[in-house]
Amino acid sequence: METLTILETKLVYPYALPELGYAYDALEPYIDKATMEIHFSKHHAAYVANLNNALKGTDAEKLPLLEILSNISKYPVAVRNNGGGHYNHSLFWQMLTSKSTGKPSGKLADAINSTFGSFEKFKEEFDNAAKTRFGSGWAWLSVDSNGKLFVSSTPNQDNPLMDIAEKKGTPVLCLDVWEHAYYLKYQNRRPDYVSAFWSVVNWAEVERRYEEFI
């Protein structure tokens, strides 16, 4: 398995799990070891296997996942669900670290302040997107085609890269709010999980992605 650096150019068929980059217990007490192990080795692995099966023998074997997602309306639901699941989780693992700086810096911090008014106001909007997503889904901070930041949420394994997304852009930060991401530790207390997320955000990676896509 290979560590994903520039994620959008690395995801090609046949798809495989990336290196997680840290131990399953590295994010405790915020995200527990059992959840991380099951989430990565079972849930994400299933998306990878199902995506490979869905694309096997088709012309899409030759396409990078980014191109497939950007035209996802042309593909079967199995590709949408599992392609989104693989991309979303591959990005999510990069969003996490045991050595979070607590807040962004540099160009990203300036852009957040300019767009949302302050880091705290951005967190409130992102929290709301995560907490109010009905059922399973994701919360996102993305960059649109004009280089402007926006917060959104998507259902299931959809993401802002998809041509069916209500708000389209390139994600720089994401949070998984499927119950399998937090239920063992937080049960039905999604707001507690969302709050804990801020203690393990890998702002260095979020900043790198933001500067890469603006």
Foldseek 3Di string as FASTA:
>chain_A
DAQDDPPQVPAAPLGDQHDLPDQLCLLPPLFHSVLSCCCRVPVLRVLSVQLNVQCPPHPCNGPGLLVCQAAVVVGDPSNQQSSLSNSVVSLASVFFGSDDPLDADDPVQVLCCVQQVHPVSVLVVQLCQLVPPPAWWKWFWFAAPVLHTDIHIDHRSRDQSHNPDPHHGGTLDMDTNHCSRPCVPQNPPSSSSSVSSSNTGRNVSSVVVSVVRD
